[in-house]
Amino acid sequence: MSRNKKPQRESASPGGSQRQLRVGELIRHAIAEMLTRGDVHDPVIEGHLITVPEVRMSPDLRLATVYVMPMGGRDAAEVVAALERNKKYMRGEVAHAVNLKFAPDLRFHIDDRFAEAERIDKLLRSPQVARDLEKDDE
């Protein structure tokens, strides 16, 4: 290894660096505020309450992966498609709200953690797990 090259640092936290987390949170707030105020004029988006639980930033802060979930999980694919149609406008609004050198490209995905949590909860309440827990108590 030459002296001029710095070793690659690995992120200390699984979600990215502190800067990635902080910028992701600022963008999450900006997008959530936009959706709450009704700034995005699209019939699909206006017809749904949309939660933005997380925004993950790429290491260079040029790509923001926005995880969304419509209330009740209904029409999730349609909501993501509507957000994708309006991402150019939303990117411009994010650029005004968050002071960054470059406005990040936005990508929208459904946050499936809610469904996963529900699946695990059902599994834990199943008769087989209850039976195994009773055996452990003996």
Protein backbone atom coordinates (compact mmCIF):
# COMPACT_ATOMS: atom_id res chain seq x y z
CA MET A 1 0.00 0.00 0.00
CA SER A 2 1.44 3.38 -0.94
CA ARG A 3 1.69 6.15 1.60
CA ASN A 4 -0.64 8.49 -0.27
CA LYS A 5 -3.56 6.10 -0.31
CA LYS A 6 -5.86 6.14 2.67
CA PRO A 7 -7.32 2.79 3.71
CA GLN A 8 -11.01 2.35 3.04
CA ARG A 9 -13.02 2.86 6.20
CA GLU A 10 -15.93 0.64 6.86
CA SER A 11 -19.02 2.17 8.34
CA ALA A 12 -19.24 1.73 12.09
CA SER A 13 -23.02 1.43 12.03
CA PRO A 14 -25.05 -0.88 9.77
CA GLY A 15 -27.19 2.00 8.44
CA GLY A 16 -24.22 4.00 7.16
CA SER A 17 -22.09 6.83 8.42
CA GLN A 18 -23.38 9.50 10.77
CA ARG A 19 -23.55 11.90 7.83
CA GLN A 20 -25.58 9.43 5.74
CA LEU A 21 -27.98 8.89 8.62
CA ARG A 22 -28.34 12.63 9.31
CA VAL A 23 -28.93 13.54 5.64
CA GLY A 24 -31.35 10.63 5.26
CA GLU A 25 -33.34 11.88 8.22
CA LEU A 26 -33.43 15.45 6.83
CA ILE A 27 -34.70 14.14 3.49
CA ARG A 28 -37.24 11.90 5.23
CA HIS A 29 -38.64 14.92 7.08
CA ALA A 30 -38.74 17.02 3.89
CA ILE A 31 -40.61 14.33 1.93
CA ALA A 32 -43.01 13.56 4.79
CA GLU A 33 -43.78 17.28 5.12
CA MET A 34 -44.40 17.57 1.37
CA LEU A 35 -46.82 14.65 1.46
CA THR A 36 -48.57 15.96 4.59
CA ARG A 37 -49.07 19.44 3.11
CA GLY A 38 -50.37 17.96 -0.14
CA ASP A 39 -47.68 19.61 -2.26
CA VAL A 40 -47.56 16.66 -4.68
CA HIS A 41 -50.58 16.95 -6.94
CA ASP A 42 -51.34 13.41 -8.02
CA PRO A 43 -54.74 11.74 -7.50
CA VAL A 44 -53.17 8.50 -6.23
CA ILE A 45 -50.95 10.29 -3.70
CA GLU A 46 -53.75 12.65 -2.62
CA GLY A 47 -56.01 9.65 -2.01
CA HIS A 48 -53.64 7.93 0.44
CA LEU A 49 -52.00 8.66 3.76
CA ILE A 50 -48.37 7.74 3.17
CA THR A 51 -45.81 7.02 5.90
CA VAL A 52 -42.10 7.56 5.24
CA PRO A 53 -40.37 5.43 7.90
CA GLU A 54 -36.84 5.60 6.49
CA VAL A 55 -34.55 7.13 3.87
CA ARG A 56 -31.21 5.45 3.20
CA MET A 57 -28.46 7.43 1.54
CA SER A 58 -25.67 6.13 -0.68
CA PRO A 59 -22.14 6.81 0.65
CA ASP A 60 -21.68 9.70 -1.81
CA LEU A 61 -25.12 11.17 -0.84
CA ARG A 62 -26.24 11.22 -4.49
CA LEU A 63 -28.92 8.54 -4.17
CA ALA A 64 -31.71 8.48 -1.62
CA THR A 65 -33.71 5.28 -1.29
CA VAL A 66 -37.04 6.33 0.21
CA TYR A 67 -39.04 3.61 1.96
CA VAL A 68 -42.77 4.32 2.02
CA MET A 69 -45.92 2.60 3.19
CA PRO A 70 -49.49 3.70 2.48
CA MET A 71 -51.72 3.40 5.53
CA GLY A 72 -53.22 -0.04 5.68
CA GLY A 73 -50.80 -1.23 3.00
CA ARG A 74 -53.44 -0.84 0.29
CA ASP A 75 -52.48 0.06 -3.29
CA ALA A 76 -48.78 -0.01 -2.41
CA ALA A 77 -47.61 -0.59 -5.99
CA GLU A 78 -49.81 2.24 -7.30
CA VAL A 79 -48.49 4.62 -4.63
CA VAL A 80 -44.86 3.81 -5.49
CA ALA A 81 -45.62 4.31 -9.21
CA ALA A 82 -47.22 7.71 -8.44
CA LEU A 83 -44.22 8.75 -6.36
CA GLU A 84 -41.88 7.68 -9.18
CA ARG A 85 -43.91 9.79 -11.63
CA ASN A 86 -43.50 12.83 -9.38
CA LYS A 87 -39.91 12.31 -8.26
CA LYS A 88 -38.48 15.10 -10.43
CA TYR A 89 -40.69 17.66 -8.69
CA MET A 90 -39.99 16.10 -5.29
CA ARG A 91 -36.25 16.12 -5.92
CA GLY A 92 -36.39 19.86 -6.60
CA GLU A 93 -38.35 20.46 -3.41
CA VAL A 94 -35.91 18.34 -1.40
CA ALA A 95 -33.03 20.38 -2.87
CA HIS A 96 -34.64 23.57 -1.53
CA ALA A 97 -35.38 22.05 1.88
CA VAL A 98 -32.03 20.32 2.47
CA ASN A 99 -28.82 22.23 1.84
CA LEU A 100 -26.60 19.78 -0.06
CA LYS A 101 -24.06 20.24 -2.83
CA PHE A 102 -26.11 17.93 -5.07
CA ALA A 103 -29.81 17.10 -4.86
CA PRO A 104 -29.93 13.31 -4.50
CA ASP A 105 -31.77 11.14 -6.98
CA LEU A 106 -34.86 9.66 -5.29
CA ARG A 107 -35.86 6.02 -5.52
CA PHE A 108 -39.02 4.77 -3.87
CA HIS A 109 -39.58 1.32 -2.37
CA ILE A 110 -42.26 -0.25 -0.22
CA ASP A 111 -41.15 -0.71 3.37
CA ASP A 112 -41.90 -4.37 4.00
CA ARG A 113 -40.82 -4.31 7.65
CA PHE A 114 -44.45 -3.86 8.72
CA ALA A 115 -45.50 -7.06 6.92
CA GLU A 116 -42.45 -8.89 8.29
CA ALA A 117 -43.26 -7.79 11.85
CA GLU A 118 -46.86 -8.96 11.41
CA ARG A 119 -45.64 -12.34 10.08
CA ILE A 120 -43.33 -12.81 13.08
CA ASP A 121 -46.11 -11.78 15.48
CA LYS A 122 -48.47 -14.38 13.95
CA LEU A 123 -45.73 -16.98 14.18
CA LEU A 124 -45.13 -16.23 17.86
CA ARG A 125 -48.86 -16.55 18.59
CA SER A 126 -49.16 -19.86 16.77
CA PRO A 127 -50.19 -22.99 18.72
CA GLN A 128 -46.89 -24.71 17.91
CA VAL A 129 -44.84 -21.93 19.54
CA ALA A 130 -47.20 -21.81 22.53
CA ARG A 131 -46.80 -25.57 22.93
CA ASP A 132 -43.00 -25.28 22.80
CA LEU A 133 -43.07 -22.51 25.39
CA GLU A 134 -45.19 -24.68 27.72
CA LYS A 135 -42.59 -27.47 27.42
CA ASP A 136 -39.83 -25.05 28.42
CA ASP A 137 -41.76 -24.05 31.57
CA GLU A 138 -41.84 -27.65 32.85
